[in-house]
Amino acid sequence: MTSGERKILDFGDLDEFEPRQKTASLPLERKAVDHAAAFPSRERDDEGQMNIRAPEAVLKRFREMAKSERYKLGAFLEILMNAYDQRHDG
């Protein structure tokens, strides 16, 4: 057989394999491995995310207003909420 030829797999050889027996400690071991292998979150602890359902025209207007003032959407939302608070508290 040359290096470019493919070798046919003999699935009959797989008959000798049997699945491992489940042990009681397997879920605990899996949790420990998952915890050790997990990457630390890159998200800040003091940040969150939310989804706002509104008419597309309102969302577009909000995005355009924030962009024209060079604010991120979250920062612009905070500015609007602070202005609302000042108007209703003062």
PDB file of N, CA and C in Angstrom:
ATOM      1  N   MET A   1       0.847  -1.172   0.000  1.00  0.00           N
ATOM      2  CA  MET A   1       0.000   0.000   0.000  1.00  0.00           C
ATOM      3  C   MET A   1       0.891   1.232   0.000  1.00  0.00           C
ATOM      4  N   THR A   2       0.587   2.205  -0.856  1.00  0.00           N
ATOM      5  CA  THR A   2       1.367   3.436  -0.917  1.00  0.00           C
ATOM      6  C   THR A   2       0.812   4.435   0.092  1.00  0.00           C
ATOM      7  N   SER A   3       1.576   5.492   0.336  1.00  0.00           N
ATOM      8  CA  SER A   3       1.175   6.451   1.354  1.00  0.00           C
ATOM      9  C   SER A   3      -0.090   7.214   0.979  1.00  0.00           C
ATOM     10  N   GLY A   4      -0.448   7.257  -0.294  1.00  0.00           N
ATOM     11  CA  GLY A   4      -1.636   7.981  -0.720  1.00  0.00           C
ATOM     12  C   GLY A   4      -2.902   7.155  -0.614  1.00  0.00           C
ATOM     13  N   GLU A   5      -2.784   5.845  -0.381  1.00  0.00           N
ATOM     14  CA  GLU A   5      -3.967   4.985  -0.304  1.00  0.00           C
ATOM     15  C   GLU A   5      -4.565   5.018   1.092  1.00  0.00           C
ATOM     16  N   ARG A   6      -5.858   4.855   1.141  1.00  0.00           N
ATOM     17  CA  ARG A   6      -6.550   4.837   2.429  1.00  0.00           C
ATOM     18  C   ARG A   6      -6.701   3.408   2.913  1.00  0.00           C
ATOM     19  N   LYS A   7      -6.553   3.221   4.212  1.00  0.00           N
ATOM     20  CA  LYS A   7      -6.713   1.911   4.820  1.00  0.00           C
ATOM     21  C   LYS A   7      -8.171   1.745   5.241  1.00  0.00           C
ATOM     22  N   ILE A   8      -8.767   0.630   4.911  1.00  0.00           N
ATOM     23  CA  ILE A   8     -10.154   0.363   5.262  1.00  0.00           C
ATOM     24  C   ILE A   8     -10.222   0.005   6.747  1.00  0.00           C
ATOM     25  N   LEU A   9     -11.189   0.631   7.433  1.00  0.00           N
ATOM     26  CA  LEU A   9     -11.368   0.344   8.859  1.00  0.00           C
ATOM     27  C   LEU A   9     -12.136  -0.949   9.031  1.00  0.00           C
ATOM     28  N   ASP A  10     -11.716  -1.740   9.999  1.00  0.00           N
ATOM     29  CA  ASP A  10     -12.403  -2.978  10.319  1.00  0.00           C
ATOM     30  C   ASP A  10     -13.223  -2.736  11.584  1.00  0.00           C
ATOM     31  N   PHE A  11     -14.511  -2.455  11.398  1.00  0.00           N
ATOM     32  CA  PHE A  11     -15.369  -2.160  12.545  1.00  0.00           C
ATOM     33  C   PHE A  11     -15.600  -3.390  13.414  1.00  0.00           C
ATOM     34  N   GLY A  12     -15.306  -4.547  12.929  1.00  0.00           N
ATOM     35  CA  GLY A  12     -15.426  -5.765  13.730  1.00  0.00           C
ATOM     36  C   GLY A  12     -14.481  -5.755  14.914  1.00  0.00           C
ATOM     37  N   ASP A  13     -13.339  -5.051  14.792  1.00  0.00           N
ATOM     38  CA  ASP A  13     -12.391  -4.945  15.894  1.00  0.00           C
ATOM     39  C   ASP A  13     -12.977  -4.176  17.070  1.00  0.00           C
ATOM     40  N   LEU A  14     -13.994  -3.377  16.823  1.00  0.00           N
ATOM     41  CA  LEU A  14     -14.582  -2.568  17.895  1.00  0.00           C
ATOM     42  C   LEU A  14     -15.499  -3.391  18.804  1.00  0.00           C
ATOM     43  N   ASP A  15     -15.838  -4.595  18.417  1.00  0.00           N
ATOM     44  CA  ASP A  15     -16.733  -5.422  19.213  1.00  0.00           C
ATOM     45  C   ASP A  15     -16.148  -5.772  20.571  1.00  0.00           C
ATOM     46  N   GLU A  16     -14.835  -5.753  20.698  1.00  0.00           N
ATOM     47  CA  GLU A  16     -14.211  -6.145  21.962  1.00  0.00           C
ATOM     48  C   GLU A  16     -14.280  -5.030  23.014  1.00  0.00           C
ATOM     49  N   PHE A  17     -14.621  -3.839  22.601  1.00  0.00           N
ATOM     50  CA  PHE A  17     -14.690  -2.728  23.554  1.00  0.00           C
ATOM     51  C   PHE A  17     -16.055  -2.660  24.203  1.00  0.00           C
ATOM     52  N   GLU A  18     -16.062  -2.358  25.484  1.00  0.00           N
ATOM     53  CA  GLU A  18     -17.303  -2.182  26.223  1.00  0.00           C
ATOM     54  C   GLU A  18     -17.241  -0.843  26.941  1.00  0.00           C
ATOM     55  N   PRO A  19     -18.409  -0.207  27.129  1.00  0.00           N
ATOM     56  CA  PRO A  19     -18.401   1.081  27.828  1.00  0.00           C
ATOM     57  C   PRO A  19     -17.935   0.930  29.268  1.00  0.00           C
ATOM     58  N   ARG A  20     -17.320   1.983  29.773  1.00  0.00           N
ATOM     59  CA  ARG A  20     -16.880   1.978  31.167  1.00  0.00           C
ATOM     60  C   ARG A  20     -18.070   1.937  32.104  1.00  0.00           C
ATOM     61  N   GLN A  21     -17.857   1.329  33.233  1.00  0.00           N
ATOM     62  CA  GLN A  21     -18.889   1.314  34.259  1.00  0.00           C
ATOM     63  C   GLN A  21     -18.915   2.674  34.942  1.00  0.00           C
ATOM     64  N   LYS A  22     -20.102   3.195  35.166  1.00  0.00           N
ATOM     65  CA  LYS A  22     -20.220   4.477  35.836  1.00  0.00           C
ATOM     66  C   LYS A  22     -19.947   4.290  37.319  1.00  0.00           C
ATOM     67  N   THR A  23     -19.198   5.253  37.865  1.00  0.00           N
ATOM     68  CA  THR A  23     -18.924   5.208  39.299  1.00  0.00           C
ATOM     69  C   THR A  23     -19.595   6.398  39.953  1.00  0.00           C
ATOM     70  N   ALA A  24     -19.795   6.322  41.240  1.00  0.00           N
ATOM     71  CA  ALA A  24     -20.458   7.399  41.969  1.00  0.00           C
ATOM     72  C   ALA A  24     -19.621   8.667  41.965  1.00  0.00           C
ATOM     73  N   SER A  25     -18.302   8.549  41.893  1.00  0.00           N
ATOM     74  CA  SER A  25     -17.449   9.728  41.981  1.00  0.00           C
ATOM     75  C   SER A  25     -17.268  10.434  40.641  1.00  0.00           C
ATOM     76  N   LEU A  26     -17.745   9.845  39.564  1.00  0.00           N
ATOM     77  CA  LEU A  26     -17.536  10.439  38.252  1.00  0.00           C
ATOM     78  C   LEU A  26     -18.107  11.854  38.132  1.00  0.00           C
ATOM     79  N   PRO A  27     -19.351  12.124  38.569  1.00  0.00           N
ATOM     80  CA  PRO A  27     -19.847  13.508  38.470  1.00  0.00           C
ATOM     81  C   PRO A  27     -19.002  14.499  39.280  1.00  0.00           C
ATOM     82  N   LEU A  28     -18.525  14.083  40.435  1.00  0.00           N
ATOM     83  CA  LEU A  28     -17.695  14.974  41.247  1.00  0.00           C
ATOM     84  C   LEU A  28     -16.360  15.214  40.564  1.00  0.00           C
ATOM     85  N   GLU A  29     -15.772  14.177  39.987  1.00  0.00           N
ATOM     86  CA  GLU A  29     -14.512  14.327  39.262  1.00  0.00           C
ATOM     87  C   GLU A  29     -14.713  15.239  38.061  1.00  0.00           C
ATOM     88  N   ARG A  30     -15.811  15.076  37.375  1.00  0.00           N
ATOM     89  CA  ARG A  30     -16.101  15.890  36.196  1.00  0.00           C
ATOM     90  C   ARG A  30     -16.231  17.362  36.588  1.00  0.00           C
ATOM     91  N   LYS A  31     -16.919  17.631  37.702  1.00  0.00           N
ATOM     92  CA  LYS A  31     -17.051  19.002  38.177  1.00  0.00           C
ATOM     93  C   LYS A  31     -15.686  19.598  38.503  1.00  0.00           C
ATOM     94  N   ALA A  32     -14.832  18.834  39.144  1.00  0.00           N
ATOM     95  CA  ALA A  32     -13.504  19.324  39.512  1.00  0.00           C
ATOM     96  C   ALA A  32     -12.685  19.635  38.260  1.00  0.00           C
ATOM     97  N   VAL A  33     -12.757  18.771  37.276  1.00  0.00           N
ATOM     98  CA  VAL A  33     -12.024  18.994  36.029  1.00  0.00           C
ATOM     99  C   VAL A  33     -12.588  20.219  35.311  1.00  0.00           C
ATOM    100  N   ASP A  34     -13.921  20.323  35.226  1.00  0.00           N
ATOM    101  CA  ASP A  34     -14.535  21.469  34.559  1.00  0.00           C
ATOM    102  C   ASP A  34     -14.157  22.770  35.245  1.00  0.00           C
ATOM    103  N   HIS A  35     -14.142  22.763  36.571  1.00  0.00           N
ATOM    104  CA  HIS A  35     -13.796  23.973  37.324  1.00  0.00           C
ATOM    105  C   HIS A  35     -12.331  24.351  37.084  1.00  0.00           C
ATOM    106  N   ALA A  36     -11.447  23.367  37.098  1.00  0.00           N
ATOM    107  CA  ALA A  36     -10.020  23.642  36.913  1.00  0.00           C
ATOM    108  C   ALA A  36      -9.717  24.075  35.487  1.00  0.00           C
ATOM    109  N   ALA A  37     -10.471  23.563  34.536  1.00  0.00           N
ATOM    110  CA  ALA A  37     -10.192  23.853  33.133  1.00  0.00           C
ATOM    111  C   ALA A  37     -10.910  25.105  32.633  1.00  0.00           C
ATOM    112  N   ALA A  38     -11.810  25.624  33.422  1.00  0.00           N
ATOM    113  CA  ALA A  38     -12.592  26.780  32.977  1.00  0.00           C
ATOM    114  C   ALA A  38     -11.721  28.026  32.866  1.00  0.00           C
ATOM    115  N   PHE A  39     -12.004  28.810  31.860  1.00  0.00           N
ATOM    116  CA  PHE A  39     -11.311  30.077  31.702  1.00  0.00           C
ATOM    117  C   PHE A  39     -11.991  31.109  32.590  1.00  0.00           C
ATOM    118  N   PRO A  40     -11.229  31.997  33.178  1.00  0.00           N
ATOM    119  CA  PRO A  40     -11.871  33.038  33.982  1.00  0.00           C
ATOM    120  C   PRO A  40     -12.692  33.950  33.074  1.00  0.00           C
ATOM    121  N   SER A  41     -13.794  34.424  33.592  1.00  0.00           N
ATOM    122  CA  SER A  41     -14.655  35.293  32.802  1.00  0.00           C
ATOM    123  C   SER A  41     -13.952  36.601  32.515  1.00  0.00           C
ATOM    124  N   ARG A  42     -14.134  37.087  31.306  1.00  0.00           N
ATOM    125  CA  ARG A  42     -13.551  38.374  30.947  1.00  0.00           C
ATOM    126  C   ARG A  42     -14.522  39.512  31.230  1.00  0.00           C
ATOM    127  N   GLU A  43     -15.733  39.146  31.635  1.00  0.00           N
ATOM    128  CA  GLU A  43     -16.710  40.173  31.949  1.00  0.00           C
ATOM    129  C   GLU A  43     -16.438  40.734  33.333  1.00  0.00           C
ATOM    130  N   ARG A  44     -16.666  42.036  33.450  1.00  0.00           N
ATOM    131  CA  ARG A  44     -16.513  42.660  34.756  1.00  0.00           C
ATOM    132  C   ARG A  44     -17.649  42.210  35.650  1.00  0.00           C
ATOM    133  N   ASP A  45     -17.386  42.109  36.947  1.00  0.00           N
ATOM    134  CA  ASP A  45     -18.409  41.675  37.885  1.00  0.00           C
ATOM    135  C   ASP A  45     -19.525  42.700  38.043  1.00  0.00           C
ATOM    136  N   ASP A  46     -19.210  43.968  37.787  1.00  0.00           N
ATOM    137  CA  ASP A  46     -20.210  45.012  37.996  1.00  0.00           C
ATOM    138  C   ASP A  46     -20.965  45.373  36.723  1.00  0.00           C
ATOM    139  N   GLU A  47     -20.883  44.546  35.693  1.00  0.00           N
ATOM    140  CA  GLU A  47     -21.589  44.806  34.448  1.00  0.00           C
ATOM    141  C   GLU A  47     -22.606  43.711  34.181  1.00  0.00           C
ATOM    142  N   GLY A  48     -23.645  44.074  33.492  1.00  0.00           N
ATOM    143  CA  GLY A  48     -24.664  43.122  33.095  1.00  0.00           C
ATOM    144  C   GLY A  48     -25.127  43.447  31.690  1.00  0.00           C
ATOM    145  N   GLN A  49     -26.131  42.754  31.257  1.00  0.00           N
ATOM    146  CA  GLN A  49     -26.649  42.957  29.915  1.00  0.00           C
ATOM    147  C   GLN A  49     -28.150  42.777  29.954  1.00  0.00           C
ATOM    148  N   MET A  50     -28.869  43.543  29.121  1.00  0.00           N
ATOM    149  CA  MET A  50     -30.307  43.354  29.027  1.00  0.00           C
ATOM    150  C   MET A  50     -30.751  43.549  27.592  1.00  0.00           C
ATOM    151  N   ASN A  51     -31.883  42.988  27.289  1.00  0.00           N
ATOM    152  CA  ASN A  51     -32.458  43.066  25.958  1.00  0.00           C
ATOM    153  C   ASN A  51     -33.695  43.944  26.056  1.00  0.00           C
ATOM    154  N   ILE A  52     -33.783  44.957  25.199  1.00  0.00           N
ATOM    155  CA  ILE A  52     -34.918  45.880  25.235  1.00  0.00           C
ATOM    156  C   ILE A  52     -35.747  45.682  23.971  1.00  0.00           C
ATOM    157  N   ARG A  53     -37.029  45.417  24.164  1.00  0.00           N
ATOM    158  CA  ARG A  53     -37.934  45.306  23.019  1.00  0.00           C
ATOM    159  C   ARG A  53     -38.637  46.649  22.876  1.00  0.00           C
ATOM    160  N   ALA A  54     -38.500  47.233  21.695  1.00  0.00           N
ATOM    161  CA  ALA A  54     -39.113  48.521  21.388  1.00  0.00           C
ATOM    162  C   ALA A  54     -39.266  48.627  19.880  1.00  0.00           C
ATOM    163  N   PRO A  55     -40.078  49.582  19.437  1.00  0.00           N
ATOM    164  CA  PRO A  55     -40.174  49.766  17.986  1.00  0.00           C
ATOM    165  C   PRO A  55     -38.795  50.069  17.389  1.00  0.00           C
ATOM    166  N   GLU A  56     -38.559  49.563  16.197  1.00  0.00           N
ATOM    167  CA  GLU A  56     -37.244  49.720  15.560  1.00  0.00           C
ATOM    168  C   GLU A  56     -36.862  51.190  15.423  1.00  0.00           C
ATOM    169  N   ALA A  57     -37.828  52.056  15.177  1.00  0.00           N
ATOM    170  CA  ALA A  57     -37.535  53.483  15.034  1.00  0.00           C
ATOM    171  C   ALA A  57     -36.982  54.069  16.340  1.00  0.00           C
ATOM    172  N   VAL A  58     -37.519  53.625  17.477  1.00  0.00           N
ATOM    173  CA  VAL A  58     -37.045  54.112  18.774  1.00  0.00           C
ATOM    174  C   VAL A  58     -35.620  53.623  19.028  1.00  0.00           C
ATOM    175  N   LEU A  59     -35.369  52.354  18.753  1.00  0.00           N
ATOM    176  CA  LEU A  59     -34.029  51.799  18.949  1.00  0.00           C
ATOM    177  C   LEU A  59     -33.015  52.484  18.040  1.00  0.00           C
ATOM    178  N   LYS A  60     -33.409  52.718  16.793  1.00  0.00           N
ATOM    179  CA  LYS A  60     -32.521  53.389  15.847  1.00  0.00           C
ATOM    180  C   LYS A  60     -32.211  54.810  16.325  1.00  0.00           C
ATOM    181  N   ARG A  61     -33.239  55.508  16.797  1.00  0.00           N
ATOM    182  CA  ARG A  61     -33.041  56.875  17.305  1.00  0.00           C
ATOM    183  C   ARG A  61     -32.086  56.890  18.492  1.00  0.00           C
ATOM    184  N   PHE A  62     -32.261  55.929  19.419  1.00  0.00           N
ATOM    185  CA  PHE A  62     -31.397  55.832  20.593  1.00  0.00           C
ATOM    186  C   PHE A  62     -29.942  55.592  20.178  1.00  0.00           C
ATOM    187  N   ARG A  63     -29.746  54.638  19.262  1.00  0.00           N
ATOM    188  CA  ARG A  63     -28.387  54.330  18.797  1.00  0.00           C
ATOM    189  C   ARG A  63     -27.747  55.535  18.111  1.00  0.00           C
ATOM    190  N   GLU A  64     -28.526  56.205  17.277  1.00  0.00           N
ATOM    191  CA  GLU A  64     -27.995  57.373  16.560  1.00  0.00           C
ATOM    192  C   GLU A  64     -27.647  58.512  17.514  1.00  0.00           C
ATOM    193  N   MET A  65     -28.494  58.732  18.531  1.00  0.00           N
ATOM    194  CA  MET A  65     -28.206  59.781  19.512  1.00  0.00           C
ATOM    195  C   MET A  65     -26.914  59.473  20.268  1.00  0.00           C
ATOM    196  N   ALA A  66     -26.766  58.225  20.700  1.00  0.00           N
ATOM    197  CA  ALA A  66     -25.554  57.835  21.434  1.00  0.00           C
ATOM    198  C   ALA A  66     -24.327  57.966  20.543  1.00  0.00           C
ATOM    199  N   LYS A  67     -24.462  57.536  19.297  1.00  0.00           N
ATOM    200  CA  LYS A  67     -23.326  57.587  18.373  1.00  0.00           C
ATOM    201  C   LYS A  67     -22.927  59.029  18.061  1.00  0.00           C
ATOM    202  N   SER A  68     -23.907  59.901  17.899  1.00  0.00           N
ATOM    203  CA  SER A  68     -23.590  61.295  17.559  1.00  0.00           C
ATOM    204  C   SER A  68     -22.848  61.992  18.695  1.00  0.00           C
ATOM    205  N   GLU A  69     -23.093  61.555  19.924  1.00  0.00           N
ATOM    206  CA  GLU A  69     -22.405  62.122  21.086  1.00  0.00           C
ATOM    207  C   GLU A  69     -21.184  61.296  21.493  1.00  0.00           C
ATOM    208  N   ARG A  70     -20.928  60.224  20.748  1.00  0.00           N
ATOM    209  CA  ARG A  70     -19.775  59.335  20.962  1.00  0.00           C
ATOM    210  C   ARG A  70     -19.817  58.628  22.323  1.00  0.00           C
ATOM    211  N   TYR A  71     -21.001  58.169  22.713  1.00  0.00           N
ATOM    212  CA  TYR A  71     -21.187  57.407  23.942  1.00  0.00           C
ATOM    213  C   TYR A  71     -21.465  55.952  23.597  1.00  0.00           C
ATOM    214  N   LYS A  72     -21.038  55.065  24.462  1.00  0.00           N
ATOM    215  CA  LYS A  72     -21.488  53.679  24.374  1.00  0.00           C
ATOM    216  C   LYS A  72     -22.945  53.665  24.817  1.00  0.00           C
ATOM    217  N   LEU A  73     -23.690  52.659  24.381  1.00  0.00           N
ATOM    218  CA  LEU A  73     -25.121  52.635  24.668  1.00  0.00           C
ATOM    219  C   LEU A  73     -25.416  52.640  26.166  1.00  0.00           C
ATOM    220  N   GLY A  74     -24.647  51.897  26.942  1.00  0.00           N
ATOM    221  CA  GLY A  74     -24.879  51.855  28.388  1.00  0.00           C
ATOM    222  C   GLY A  74     -24.625  53.196  29.050  1.00  0.00           C
ATOM    223  N   ALA A  75     -23.568  53.871  28.634  1.00  0.00           N
ATOM    224  CA  ALA A  75     -23.254  55.183  29.203  1.00  0.00           C
ATOM    225  C   ALA A  75     -24.331  56.195  28.821  1.00  0.00           C
ATOM    226  N   PHE A  76     -24.826  56.116  27.596  1.00  0.00           N
ATOM    227  CA  PHE A  76     -25.861  57.038  27.161  1.00  0.00           C
ATOM    228  C   PHE A  76     -27.169  56.778  27.909  1.00  0.00           C
ATOM    229  N   LEU A  77     -27.489  55.529  28.149  1.00  0.00           N
ATOM    230  CA  LEU A  77     -28.682  55.189  28.930  1.00  0.00           C
ATOM    231  C   LEU A  77     -28.591  55.793  30.328  1.00  0.00           C
ATOM    232  N   GLU A  78     -27.417  55.708  30.939  1.00  0.00           N
ATOM    233  CA  GLU A  78     -27.227  56.282  32.273  1.00  0.00           C
ATOM    234  C   GLU A  78     -27.420  57.800  32.250  1.00  0.00           C
ATOM    235  N   ILE A  79     -26.913  58.467  31.233  1.00  0.00           N
ATOM    236  CA  ILE A  79     -27.087  59.923  31.104  1.00  0.00           C
ATOM    237  C   ILE A  79     -28.573  60.268  31.015  1.00  0.00           C
ATOM    238  N   LEU A  80     -29.308  59.527  30.216  1.00  0.00           N
ATOM    239  CA  LEU A  80     -30.740  59.778  30.069  1.00  0.00           C
ATOM    240  C   LEU A  80     -31.486  59.528  31.376  1.00  0.00           C
ATOM    241  N   MET A  81     -31.119  58.470  32.094  1.00  0.00           N
ATOM    242  CA  MET A  81     -31.777  58.177  33.372  1.00  0.00           C
ATOM    243  C   MET A  81     -31.462  59.256  34.407  1.00  0.00           C
ATOM    244  N   ASN A  82     -30.217  59.733  34.438  1.00  0.00           N
ATOM    245  CA  ASN A  82     -29.851  60.805  35.369  1.00  0.00           C
ATOM    246  C   ASN A  82     -30.629  62.081  35.060  1.00  0.00           C
ATOM    247  N   ALA A  83     -30.792  62.407  33.777  1.00  0.00           N
ATOM    248  CA  ALA A  83     -31.560  63.583  33.385  1.00  0.00           C
ATOM    249  C   ALA A  83     -33.020  63.423  33.793  1.00  0.00           C
ATOM    250  N   TYR A  84     -33.552  62.235  33.636  1.00  0.00           N
ATOM    251  CA  TYR A  84     -34.931  61.954  34.048  1.00  0.00           C
ATOM    252  C   TYR A  84     -35.081  62.137  35.554  1.00  0.00           C
ATOM    253  N   ASP A  85     -34.133  61.592  36.327  1.00  0.00           N
ATOM    254  CA  ASP A  85     -34.166  61.726  37.790  1.00  0.00           C
ATOM    255  C   ASP A  85     -34.122  63.185  38.214  1.00  0.00           C
ATOM    256  N   GLN A  86     -33.251  63.974  37.603  1.00  0.00           N
ATOM    257  CA  GLN A  86     -33.132  65.391  37.962  1.00  0.00           C
ATOM    258  C   GLN A  86     -34.406  66.142  37.669  1.00  0.00           C
ATOM    259  N   ARG A  87     -35.048  65.804  36.581  1.00  0.00           N
ATOM    260  CA  ARG A  87     -36.277  66.483  36.210  1.00  0.00           C
ATOM    261  C   ARG A  87     -37.434  66.133  37.136  1.00  0.00           C
ATOM    262  N   HIS A  88     -37.452  64.906  37.655  1.00  0.00           N
ATOM    263  CA  HIS A  88     -38.565  64.468  38.496  1.00  0.00           C
ATOM    264  C   HIS A  88     -38.272  64.586  39.992  1.00  0.00           C
ATOM    265  N   ASP A  89     -37.027  64.715  40.394  1.00  0.00           N
ATOM    266  CA  ASP A  89     -36.682  64.838  41.812  1.00  0.00           C
ATOM    267  C   ASP A  89     -36.532  66.302  42.224  1.00  0.00           C
ATOM    268  N   GLY A  90     -36.219  67.143  41.275  1.00  0.00           N
ATOM    269  CA  GLY A  90     -35.881  68.518  41.615  1.00  0.00           C
ATOM    270  C   GLY A  90     -37.016  69.403  41.431  1.00  0.00           C
TER     271      GLY A  90
END
